[in-house]
């Protein structure tokens, strides 16, 4: 899990230890009420043991276990704010855009798979609880980095990503200070889109109870190359399309309010890194 500054992921543990007030002479009605309350608590406890998870809910799936701490690098990367499109009907509230100015961070990741293209596999989409290959919805080649991958290219990217995330939480402190601890605990995907490829359908990053999607807090995406002939990322409710620029990193909330899709470039390739920050 990325070791964000403690002030940004602090969790308030609230505990109330209010002393009970009880009249010296309790009435029979209050005794009966206490008995009913005790029976209700016992029944509720029994239902919880049986696996109930709320109104009409079955027992939720376990959350993914946290991996070993991430290894970053000692380098310090310059991160600059990137202006998002604006104008009538455009709303980019809760989106962050940050430019990793050292292009070698992106170039190193691309070079890994230029040397070993066989490491890439066709991208999948989730459908009815299954991962399926459907090029009409998503046409890509991908590789999944584990959080504790030891390669220097990954570690340099994680270090730069952490710097981007710190800027996001400085702008939106409630995303860090008033929620449970979160970090990078699941895979991050390198994705290659050929000309005409892309994640072509609108989708969101959290759409059900199944883990690890259910515990996703924020999404991040870094463009690894420039694309000038279409090829952007289109956000439906925000009424905006972001054009790929090498090093540009977007951060946004994971829910349906940020439905998005990839716009295919008819002539150019596109490469990205994308993943999620999950609650611990």
C-alpha atoms as a PDB file:
ATOM      1  CA  UNK A   1       0.000   0.000   0.000  1.00  0.00           C
ATOM      2  CA  UNK A   2       1.361   3.420  -0.858  1.00  0.00           C
ATOM      3  CA  UNK A   3       2.554   5.039   2.335  1.00  0.00           C
ATOM      4  CA  UNK A   4       0.632   8.308   2.047  1.00  0.00           C
ATOM      5  CA  UNK A   5       1.381  10.952   4.660  1.00  0.00           C
ATOM      6  CA  UNK A   6      -0.317  10.012   7.887  1.00  0.00           C
ATOM      7  CA  UNK A   7      -2.152  13.319   7.997  1.00  0.00           C
ATOM      8  CA  UNK A   8      -3.783  12.468   4.681  1.00  0.00           C
ATOM      9  CA  UNK A   9      -5.112   9.065   5.661  1.00  0.00           C
ATOM     10  CA  UNK A  10      -5.734   9.633   9.326  1.00  0.00           C
ATOM     11  CA  UNK A  11      -8.728   7.761  10.672  1.00  0.00           C
ATOM     12  CA  UNK A  12     -10.762   9.117  13.528  1.00  0.00           C
ATOM     13  CA  UNK A  13     -11.584   6.333  15.951  1.00  0.00           C
ATOM     14  CA  UNK A  14     -14.585   7.415  17.896  1.00  0.00           C
ATOM     15  CA  UNK A  15     -15.624   5.689  21.084  1.00  0.00           C
ATOM     16  CA  UNK A  16     -18.438   6.678  23.372  1.00  0.00           C
ATOM     17  CA  UNK A  17     -18.418   5.526  26.990  1.00  0.00           C
ATOM     18  CA  UNK A  18     -21.406   7.433  28.309  1.00  0.00           C
ATOM     19  CA  UNK A  19     -22.496   6.204  31.730  1.00  0.00           C
ATOM     20  CA  UNK A  20     -26.002   4.772  31.800  1.00  0.00           C
ATOM     21  CA  UNK A  21     -28.630   6.567  33.863  1.00  0.00           C
ATOM     22  CA  UNK A  22     -31.071   4.302  35.658  1.00  0.00           C
ATOM     23  CA  UNK A  23     -33.889   5.380  38.059  1.00  0.00           C
ATOM     24  CA  UNK A  24     -33.632   3.969  41.574  1.00  0.00           C
ATOM     25  CA  UNK A  25     -37.096   2.450  41.316  1.00  0.00           C
ATOM     26  CA  UNK A  26     -37.526   0.899  37.890  1.00  0.00           C
ATOM     27  CA  UNK A  27     -41.092   0.337  36.792  1.00  0.00           C
ATOM     28  CA  UNK A  28     -42.441  -2.995  35.542  1.00  0.00           C
ATOM     29  CA  UNK A  29     -42.947  -1.498  32.080  1.00  0.00           C
ATOM     30  CA  UNK A  30     -39.288  -0.512  31.843  1.00  0.00           C
ATOM     31  CA  UNK A  31     -38.295  -4.037  32.938  1.00  0.00           C
ATOM     32  CA  UNK A  32     -40.423  -5.539  30.167  1.00  0.00           C
ATOM     33  CA  UNK A  33     -38.890  -3.088  27.675  1.00  0.00           C
ATOM     34  CA  UNK A  34     -35.390  -4.118  28.755  1.00  0.00           C
ATOM     35  CA  UNK A  35     -36.303  -7.777  28.322  1.00  0.00           C
ATOM     36  CA  UNK A  36     -37.587  -7.142  24.788  1.00  0.00           C
ATOM     37  CA  UNK A  37     -34.429  -5.177  23.998  1.00  0.00           C
ATOM     38  CA  UNK A  38     -32.270  -8.053  25.212  1.00  0.00           C
ATOM     39  CA  UNK A  39     -34.215 -10.501  23.020  1.00  0.00           C
ATOM     40  CA  UNK A  40     -33.813  -8.206  20.005  1.00  0.00           C
ATOM     41  CA  UNK A  41     -30.052  -7.924  20.540  1.00  0.00           C
ATOM     42  CA  UNK A  42     -29.777 -11.693  20.868  1.00  0.00           C
ATOM     43  CA  UNK A  43     -31.712 -12.257  17.638  1.00  0.00           C
ATOM     44  CA  UNK A  44     -29.616  -9.672  15.789  1.00  0.00           C
ATOM     45  CA  UNK A  45     -26.406 -11.290  17.009  1.00  0.00           C
ATOM     46  CA  UNK A  46     -27.675 -14.676  15.857  1.00  0.00           C
ATOM     47  CA  UNK A  47     -28.463 -13.337  12.369  1.00  0.00           C
ATOM     48  CA  UNK A  48     -24.989 -11.810  12.105  1.00  0.00           C
ATOM     49  CA  UNK A  49     -23.386 -15.141  12.981  1.00  0.00           C
ATOM     50  CA  UNK A  50     -25.489 -16.740  10.269  1.00  0.00           C
ATOM     51  CA  UNK A  51     -23.856 -14.469   7.692  1.00  0.00           C
ATOM     52  CA  UNK A  52     -26.378 -11.653   7.187  1.00  0.00           C
ATOM     53  CA  UNK A  53     -24.939  -8.500   5.660  1.00  0.00           C
ATOM     54  CA  UNK A  54     -27.760  -5.985   5.881  1.00  0.00           C
ATOM     55  CA  UNK A  55     -31.268  -5.681   4.519  1.00  0.00           C
ATOM     56  CA  UNK A  56     -31.786  -8.658   2.217  1.00  0.00           C
ATOM     57  CA  UNK A  57     -28.025  -9.040   1.768  1.00  0.00           C
ATOM     58  CA  UNK A  58     -25.901 -12.139   1.807  1.00  0.00           C
ATOM     59  CA  UNK A  59     -22.461 -12.258   3.382  1.00  0.00           C
ATOM     60  CA  UNK A  60     -20.133  -9.949   1.406  1.00  0.00           C
ATOM     61  CA  UNK A  61     -17.047 -11.309  -0.297  1.00  0.00           C
ATOM     62  CA  UNK A  62     -13.785 -10.855   1.642  1.00  0.00           C
ATOM     63  CA  UNK A  63     -11.654  -7.892   0.718  1.00  0.00           C
ATOM     64  CA  UNK A  64      -8.276  -8.499  -0.904  1.00  0.00           C
ATOM     65  CA  UNK A  65      -5.436  -8.923   1.538  1.00  0.00           C
ATOM     66  CA  UNK A  66      -2.861  -6.158   1.724  1.00  0.00           C
ATOM     67  CA  UNK A  67       0.430  -6.892  -0.057  1.00  0.00           C
ATOM     68  CA  UNK A  68       3.886  -6.175   1.361  1.00  0.00           C
ATOM     69  CA  UNK A  69       4.798  -2.465   1.550  1.00  0.00           C
ATOM     70  CA  UNK A  70       5.661  -0.884  -1.777  1.00  0.00           C
ATOM     71  CA  UNK A  71       9.271  -0.156  -2.596  1.00  0.00           C
ATOM     72  CA  UNK A  72       9.656   3.319  -4.069  1.00  0.00           C
ATOM     73  CA  UNK A  73      12.825   5.079  -5.195  1.00  0.00           C
ATOM     74  CA  UNK A  74      14.775   7.963  -3.704  1.00  0.00           C
ATOM     75  CA  UNK A  75      14.254  10.151  -6.778  1.00  0.00           C
ATOM     76  CA  UNK A  76      12.064  13.221  -6.518  1.00  0.00           C
ATOM     77  CA  UNK A  77       9.895  13.855  -9.573  1.00  0.00           C
ATOM     78  CA  UNK A  78       8.592  17.243 -10.589  1.00  0.00           C
ATOM     79  CA  UNK A  79       4.786  17.171 -10.829  1.00  0.00           C
ATOM     80  CA  UNK A  80       2.870  20.125 -12.249  1.00  0.00           C
ATOM     81  CA  UNK A  81      -0.834  20.902 -12.244  1.00  0.00           C
ATOM     82  CA  UNK A  82      -2.462  20.407 -15.645  1.00  0.00           C
ATOM     83  CA  UNK A  83      -5.427  22.541 -16.649  1.00  0.00           C
ATOM     84  CA  UNK A  84      -8.511  20.507 -17.532  1.00  0.00           C
ATOM     85  CA  UNK A  85     -10.884  21.687 -20.275  1.00  0.00           C
ATOM     86  CA  UNK A  86     -13.474  24.217 -19.182  1.00  0.00           C
ATOM     87  CA  UNK A  87     -16.444  25.980 -20.678  1.00  0.00           C
ATOM     88  CA  UNK A  88     -20.198  25.942 -20.742  1.00  0.00           C
ATOM     89  CA  UNK A  89     -21.601  22.567 -19.682  1.00  0.00           C
ATOM     90  CA  UNK A  90     -18.198  21.196 -18.567  1.00  0.00           C
ATOM     91  CA  UNK A  91     -17.829  20.122 -14.929  1.00  0.00           C
ATOM     92  CA  UNK A  92     -14.531  18.585 -13.830  1.00  0.00           C
ATOM     93  CA  UNK A  93     -15.151  18.866 -10.076  1.00  0.00           C
ATOM     94  CA  UNK A  94     -13.358  16.074  -8.153  1.00  0.00           C
ATOM     95  CA  UNK A  95     -11.096  15.302 -11.115  1.00  0.00           C
ATOM     96  CA  UNK A  96      -7.380  15.926 -10.751  1.00  0.00           C
ATOM     97  CA  UNK A  97      -4.864  16.278 -13.581  1.00  0.00           C
ATOM     98  CA  UNK A  98      -1.108  16.234 -12.951  1.00  0.00           C
ATOM     99  CA  UNK A  99       1.841  16.065 -15.318  1.00  0.00           C
ATOM    100  CA  UNK A 100       4.836  13.842 -14.543  1.00  0.00           C
ATOM    101  CA  UNK A 101       7.437  16.051 -16.207  1.00  0.00           C
ATOM    102  CA  UNK A 102      10.223  13.446 -16.352  1.00  0.00           C
ATOM    103  CA  UNK A 103       9.275  11.573 -19.524  1.00  0.00           C
ATOM    104  CA  UNK A 104      11.696   8.756 -18.707  1.00  0.00           C
ATOM    105  CA  UNK A 105       9.111   7.449 -16.197  1.00  0.00           C
ATOM    106  CA  UNK A 106       6.724   6.739 -19.073  1.00  0.00           C
ATOM    107  CA  UNK A 107       9.423   5.711 -21.540  1.00  0.00           C
ATOM    108  CA  UNK A 108      10.772   3.097 -19.141  1.00  0.00           C
ATOM    109  CA  UNK A 109       7.409   1.372 -18.840  1.00  0.00           C
ATOM    110  CA  UNK A 110       6.863   1.396 -22.600  1.00  0.00           C
ATOM    111  CA  UNK A 111      10.346  -0.021 -23.191  1.00  0.00           C
ATOM    112  CA  UNK A 112       9.612  -3.004 -20.942  1.00  0.00           C
ATOM    113  CA  UNK A 113       6.965  -4.260 -23.331  1.00  0.00           C
ATOM    114  CA  UNK A 114       8.676  -3.174 -26.518  1.00  0.00           C
ATOM    115  CA  UNK A 115      11.371  -5.654 -25.469  1.00  0.00           C
ATOM    116  CA  UNK A 116       8.888  -8.335 -24.447  1.00  0.00           C
ATOM    117  CA  UNK A 117       5.579  -7.941 -26.326  1.00  0.00           C
ATOM    118  CA  UNK A 118       4.741 -11.560 -25.549  1.00  0.00           C
ATOM    119  CA  UNK A 119       4.093 -10.548 -21.951  1.00  0.00           C
ATOM    120  CA  UNK A 120       0.915  -8.748 -23.049  1.00  0.00           C
ATOM    121  CA  UNK A 121      -2.471 -10.503 -23.141  1.00  0.00           C
ATOM    122  CA  UNK A 122      -5.828  -9.458 -24.615  1.00  0.00           C
ATOM    123  CA  UNK A 123      -7.774  -7.111 -22.344  1.00  0.00           C
ATOM    124  CA  UNK A 124     -10.981  -8.328 -20.725  1.00  0.00           C
ATOM    125  CA  UNK A 125     -14.253  -6.789 -19.553  1.00  0.00           C
ATOM    126  CA  UNK A 126     -16.409  -7.888 -16.644  1.00  0.00           C
ATOM    127  CA  UNK A 127     -19.705  -9.461 -17.585  1.00  0.00           C
ATOM    128  CA  UNK A 128     -22.087 -11.358 -15.285  1.00  0.00           C
ATOM    129  CA  UNK A 129     -19.298 -11.842 -12.762  1.00  0.00           C
ATOM    130  CA  UNK A 130     -16.872 -13.203 -15.371  1.00  0.00           C
ATOM    131  CA  UNK A 131     -13.910 -11.752 -17.248  1.00  0.00           C
ATOM    132  CA  UNK A 132     -14.491 -12.083 -21.002  1.00  0.00           C
ATOM    133  CA  UNK A 133     -12.598 -11.057 -24.121  1.00  0.00           C
ATOM    134  CA  UNK A 134     -14.826  -8.893 -26.312  1.00  0.00           C
ATOM    135  CA  UNK A 135     -12.972  -6.712 -28.860  1.00  0.00           C
ATOM    136  CA  UNK A 136     -16.210  -4.934 -29.769  1.00  0.00           C
ATOM    137  CA  UNK A 137     -16.225  -3.496 -26.242  1.00  0.00           C
ATOM    138  CA  UNK A 138     -12.512  -3.398 -25.450  1.00  0.00           C
ATOM    139  CA  UNK A 139      -9.646  -3.950 -27.852  1.00  0.00           C
ATOM    140  CA  UNK A 140      -6.330  -3.870 -26.035  1.00  0.00           C
ATOM    141  CA  UNK A 141      -3.236  -5.790 -24.978  1.00  0.00           C
ATOM    142  CA  UNK A 142      -2.404  -5.627 -21.271  1.00  0.00           C
ATOM    143  CA  UNK A 143      -0.076  -6.547 -18.460  1.00  0.00           C
ATOM    144  CA  UNK A 144      -0.878  -6.391 -14.732  1.00  0.00           C
ATOM    145  CA  UNK A 145       1.754  -5.153 -12.285  1.00  0.00           C
ATOM    146  CA  UNK A 146       1.528  -6.488  -8.750  1.00  0.00           C
ATOM    147  CA  UNK A 147       1.948  -3.777  -6.092  1.00  0.00           C
ATOM    148  CA  UNK A 148       5.233  -5.255  -4.863  1.00  0.00           C
ATOM    149  CA  UNK A 149       6.832  -5.661  -8.314  1.00  0.00           C
ATOM    150  CA  UNK A 150      10.551  -5.068  -7.825  1.00  0.00           C
ATOM    151  CA  UNK A 151      11.422  -3.707 -11.267  1.00  0.00           C
ATOM    152  CA  UNK A 152      12.867  -0.210 -11.261  1.00  0.00           C
ATOM    153  CA  UNK A 153      10.488   0.975 -14.000  1.00  0.00           C
ATOM    154  CA  UNK A 154       7.504   0.141 -11.813  1.00  0.00           C
ATOM    155  CA  UNK A 155       9.059   1.589  -8.660  1.00  0.00           C
ATOM    156  CA  UNK A 156       9.858   4.885 -10.407  1.00  0.00           C
ATOM    157  CA  UNK A 157       6.265   5.102 -11.650  1.00  0.00           C
ATOM    158  CA  UNK A 158       4.841   4.389  -8.185  1.00  0.00           C
ATOM    159  CA  UNK A 159       7.014   7.139  -6.734  1.00  0.00           C
ATOM    160  CA  UNK A 160       5.753   9.648  -9.302  1.00  0.00           C
ATOM    161  CA  UNK A 161       2.176   8.434  -8.844  1.00  0.00           C
ATOM    162  CA  UNK A 162       2.438   9.000  -5.116  1.00  0.00           C
ATOM    163  CA  UNK A 163       3.473  12.606  -5.753  1.00  0.00           C
ATOM    164  CA  UNK A 164       0.435  13.080  -8.012  1.00  0.00           C
ATOM    165  CA  UNK A 165      -1.848  11.582  -5.390  1.00  0.00           C
ATOM    166  CA  UNK A 166      -0.499  13.879  -2.701  1.00  0.00           C
ATOM    167  CA  UNK A 167      -1.480  16.853  -4.854  1.00  0.00           C
ATOM    168  CA  UNK A 168      -4.968  15.431  -5.344  1.00  0.00           C
ATOM    169  CA  UNK A 169      -5.550  14.922  -1.632  1.00  0.00           C
ATOM    170  CA  UNK A 170      -4.188  18.399  -0.906  1.00  0.00           C
ATOM    171  CA  UNK A 171      -6.912  19.773  -3.172  1.00  0.00           C
ATOM    172  CA  UNK A 172      -9.596  17.380  -1.908  1.00  0.00           C
ATOM    173  CA  UNK A 173      -8.620  16.660   1.707  1.00  0.00           C
ATOM    174  CA  UNK A 174     -11.937  14.999   2.525  1.00  0.00           C
ATOM    175  CA  UNK A 175     -10.923  12.180   0.154  1.00  0.00           C
ATOM    176  CA  UNK A 176      -8.116  11.364   2.580  1.00  0.00           C
ATOM    177  CA  UNK A 177      -8.853  12.720   6.041  1.00  0.00           C
ATOM    178  CA  UNK A 178     -12.444  11.573   6.520  1.00  0.00           C
ATOM    179  CA  UNK A 179     -12.432   8.033   5.124  1.00  0.00           C
ATOM    180  CA  UNK A 180     -10.839   4.734   6.082  1.00  0.00           C
ATOM    181  CA  UNK A 181      -7.180   4.053   5.164  1.00  0.00           C
ATOM    182  CA  UNK A 182      -6.621   3.313   1.478  1.00  0.00           C
ATOM    183  CA  UNK A 183      -3.786   2.659  -0.895  1.00  0.00           C
ATOM    184  CA  UNK A 184      -2.407   0.633  -3.782  1.00  0.00           C
ATOM    185  CA  UNK A 185      -3.270  -2.955  -2.875  1.00  0.00           C
ATOM    186  CA  UNK A 186      -4.416  -4.435  -6.225  1.00  0.00           C
ATOM    187  CA  UNK A 187      -2.916  -4.797  -9.671  1.00  0.00           C
ATOM    188  CA  UNK A 188      -2.192  -1.841 -11.948  1.00  0.00           C
ATOM    189  CA  UNK A 189      -2.629  -2.391 -15.680  1.00  0.00           C
ATOM    190  CA  UNK A 190      -0.360  -1.402 -18.533  1.00  0.00           C
ATOM    191  CA  UNK A 191      -2.663  -1.168 -21.559  1.00  0.00           C
ATOM    192  CA  UNK A 192      -1.772  -0.896 -25.234  1.00  0.00           C
ATOM    193  CA  UNK A 193      -4.444   0.195 -27.707  1.00  0.00           C
ATOM    194  CA  UNK A 194      -3.749  -0.204 -31.443  1.00  0.00           C
ATOM    195  CA  UNK A 195      -5.203   2.209 -34.007  1.00  0.00           C
ATOM    196  CA  UNK A 196      -8.961   1.677 -33.878  1.00  0.00           C
ATOM    197  CA  UNK A 197      -8.717   0.037 -30.449  1.00  0.00           C
ATOM    198  CA  UNK A 198      -9.864   1.255 -27.065  1.00  0.00           C
ATOM    199  CA  UNK A 199     -12.260   0.620 -24.192  1.00  0.00           C
ATOM    200  CA  UNK A 200     -15.136   1.638 -26.398  1.00  0.00           C
ATOM    201  CA  UNK A 201     -18.126   1.420 -24.074  1.00  0.00           C
ATOM    202  CA  UNK A 202     -19.053   3.631 -21.136  1.00  0.00           C
ATOM    203  CA  UNK A 203     -18.097   1.996 -17.867  1.00  0.00           C
ATOM    204  CA  UNK A 204     -17.442   2.782 -14.236  1.00  0.00           C
ATOM    205  CA  UNK A 205     -14.820   1.388 -11.878  1.00  0.00           C
ATOM    206  CA  UNK A 206     -17.173   0.275  -9.112  1.00  0.00           C
ATOM    207  CA  UNK A 207     -20.501  -1.261 -10.039  1.00  0.00           C
ATOM    208  CA  UNK A 208     -21.264  -4.012  -7.533  1.00  0.00           C
ATOM    209  CA  UNK A 209     -20.417  -5.889  -4.355  1.00  0.00           C
ATOM    210  CA  UNK A 210     -17.752  -8.162  -5.788  1.00  0.00           C
ATOM    211  CA  UNK A 211     -14.192  -7.520  -4.646  1.00  0.00           C
ATOM    212  CA  UNK A 212     -11.794  -6.030  -5.409  1.00  0.00           C
ATOM    213  CA  UNK A 213     -14.085  -3.587  -7.237  1.00  0.00           C
ATOM    214  CA  UNK A 214     -16.380  -2.974  -4.277  1.00  0.00           C
ATOM    215  CA  UNK A 215     -13.631  -1.432  -2.122  1.00  0.00           C
ATOM    216  CA  UNK A 216     -12.271   0.919  -4.795  1.00  0.00           C
ATOM    217  CA  UNK A 217     -11.963   4.512  -3.621  1.00  0.00           C
ATOM    218  CA  UNK A 218     -10.157   6.418  -6.381  1.00  0.00           C
ATOM    219  CA  UNK A 219      -9.061   5.695  -9.944  1.00  0.00           C
ATOM    220  CA  UNK A 220      -5.825   6.803 -11.591  1.00  0.00           C
ATOM    221  CA  UNK A 221      -4.662   6.767 -15.200  1.00  0.00           C
ATOM    222  CA  UNK A 222      -1.412   7.928 -16.754  1.00  0.00           C
ATOM    223  CA  UNK A 223      -0.979   8.461 -20.495  1.00  0.00           C
ATOM    224  CA  UNK A 224       2.365   7.046 -21.636  1.00  0.00           C
ATOM    225  CA  UNK A 225       2.427   8.735 -25.062  1.00  0.00           C
ATOM    226  CA  UNK A 226       0.932  11.684 -26.903  1.00  0.00           C
ATOM    227  CA  UNK A 227      -2.082  11.118 -29.152  1.00  0.00           C
ATOM    228  CA  UNK A 228      -3.226  13.899 -31.470  1.00  0.00           C
ATOM    229  CA  UNK A 229      -5.702  12.148 -33.781  1.00  0.00           C
ATOM    230  CA  UNK A 230      -8.692  11.670 -31.466  1.00  0.00           C
ATOM    231  CA  UNK A 231      -7.908   8.876 -28.934  1.00  0.00           C
ATOM    232  CA  UNK A 232      -9.029  10.751 -25.812  1.00  0.00           C
ATOM    233  CA  UNK A 233     -10.930   9.674 -22.709  1.00  0.00           C
ATOM    234  CA  UNK A 234     -14.547  10.822 -22.704  1.00  0.00           C
ATOM    235  CA  UNK A 235     -16.368  11.415 -19.408  1.00  0.00           C
ATOM    236  CA  UNK A 236     -20.135  11.321 -19.844  1.00  0.00           C
ATOM    237  CA  UNK A 237     -21.532  13.387 -16.958  1.00  0.00           C
ATOM    238  CA  UNK A 238     -18.620  15.819 -16.984  1.00  0.00           C
ATOM    239  CA  UNK A 239     -19.176  16.519 -20.680  1.00  0.00           C
ATOM    240  CA  UNK A 240     -15.448  16.498 -21.304  1.00  0.00           C
ATOM    241  CA  UNK A 241     -12.860  14.573 -23.309  1.00  0.00           C
ATOM    242  CA  UNK A 242      -9.247  14.513 -22.089  1.00  0.00           C
ATOM    243  CA  UNK A 243      -6.615  14.324 -24.809  1.00  0.00           C
ATOM    244  CA  UNK A 244      -3.648  11.997 -24.089  1.00  0.00           C
ATOM    245  CA  UNK A 245      -0.367  13.706 -23.258  1.00  0.00           C
ATOM    246  CA  UNK A 246       2.713  11.788 -22.153  1.00  0.00           C
ATOM    247  CA  UNK A 247       2.953  11.862 -18.371  1.00  0.00           C
ATOM    248  CA  UNK A 248      -0.523  13.313 -17.799  1.00  0.00           C
ATOM    249  CA  UNK A 249      -2.056  11.537 -14.809  1.00  0.00           C
ATOM    250  CA  UNK A 250      -5.763  11.740 -13.999  1.00  0.00           C
ATOM    251  CA  UNK A 251      -7.297  10.916 -10.606  1.00  0.00           C
ATOM    252  CA  UNK A 252     -11.047  10.697 -10.004  1.00  0.00           C
ATOM    253  CA  UNK A 253     -13.638   8.930  -7.795  1.00  0.00           C
ATOM    254  CA  UNK A 254     -14.499   5.377  -8.750  1.00  0.00           C
ATOM    255  CA  UNK A 255     -18.315   5.547  -8.912  1.00  0.00           C
ATOM    256  CA  UNK A 256     -20.993   5.808 -11.613  1.00  0.00           C
ATOM    257  CA  UNK A 257     -20.853   9.600 -11.555  1.00  0.00           C
ATOM    258  CA  UNK A 258     -17.664   9.284 -13.610  1.00  0.00           C
ATOM    259  CA  UNK A 259     -18.833   7.002 -16.408  1.00  0.00           C
ATOM    260  CA  UNK A 260     -16.210   7.143 -19.152  1.00  0.00           C
ATOM    261  CA  UNK A 261     -14.965   5.472 -22.299  1.00  0.00           C
ATOM    262  CA  UNK A 262     -11.980   5.534 -24.597  1.00  0.00           C
ATOM    263  CA  UNK A 263     -12.272   7.269 -27.962  1.00  0.00           C
ATOM    264  CA  UNK A 264     -10.451   5.278 -30.646  1.00  0.00           C
ATOM    265  CA  UNK A 265      -7.738   6.922 -32.692  1.00  0.00           C
ATOM    266  CA  UNK A 266      -7.998   5.795 -36.316  1.00  0.00           C
ATOM    267  CA  UNK A 267      -4.278   6.255 -36.949  1.00  0.00           C
ATOM    268  CA  UNK A 268      -2.319   6.236 -33.672  1.00  0.00           C
ATOM    269  CA  UNK A 269      -1.424   3.877 -30.852  1.00  0.00           C
ATOM    270  CA  UNK A 270      -2.195   4.705 -27.235  1.00  0.00           C
ATOM    271  CA  UNK A 271      -0.527   3.379 -24.081  1.00  0.00           C
ATOM    272  CA  UNK A 272      -1.644   3.972 -20.513  1.00  0.00           C
ATOM    273  CA  UNK A 273      -1.145   2.843 -16.937  1.00  0.00           C
ATOM    274  CA  UNK A 274      -4.361   2.577 -14.951  1.00  0.00           C
ATOM    275  CA  UNK A 275      -5.445   1.212 -11.593  1.00  0.00           C
ATOM    276  CA  UNK A 276      -7.208   1.895  -8.328  1.00  0.00           C
ATOM    277  CA  UNK A 277      -6.678   2.916  -4.748  1.00  0.00           C
ATOM    278  CA  UNK A 278      -8.668   0.507  -2.566  1.00  0.00           C
ATOM    279  CA  UNK A 279      -9.800   0.838   1.005  1.00  0.00           C
ATOM    280  CA  UNK A 280      -7.704  -1.329   3.288  1.00  0.00           C
END
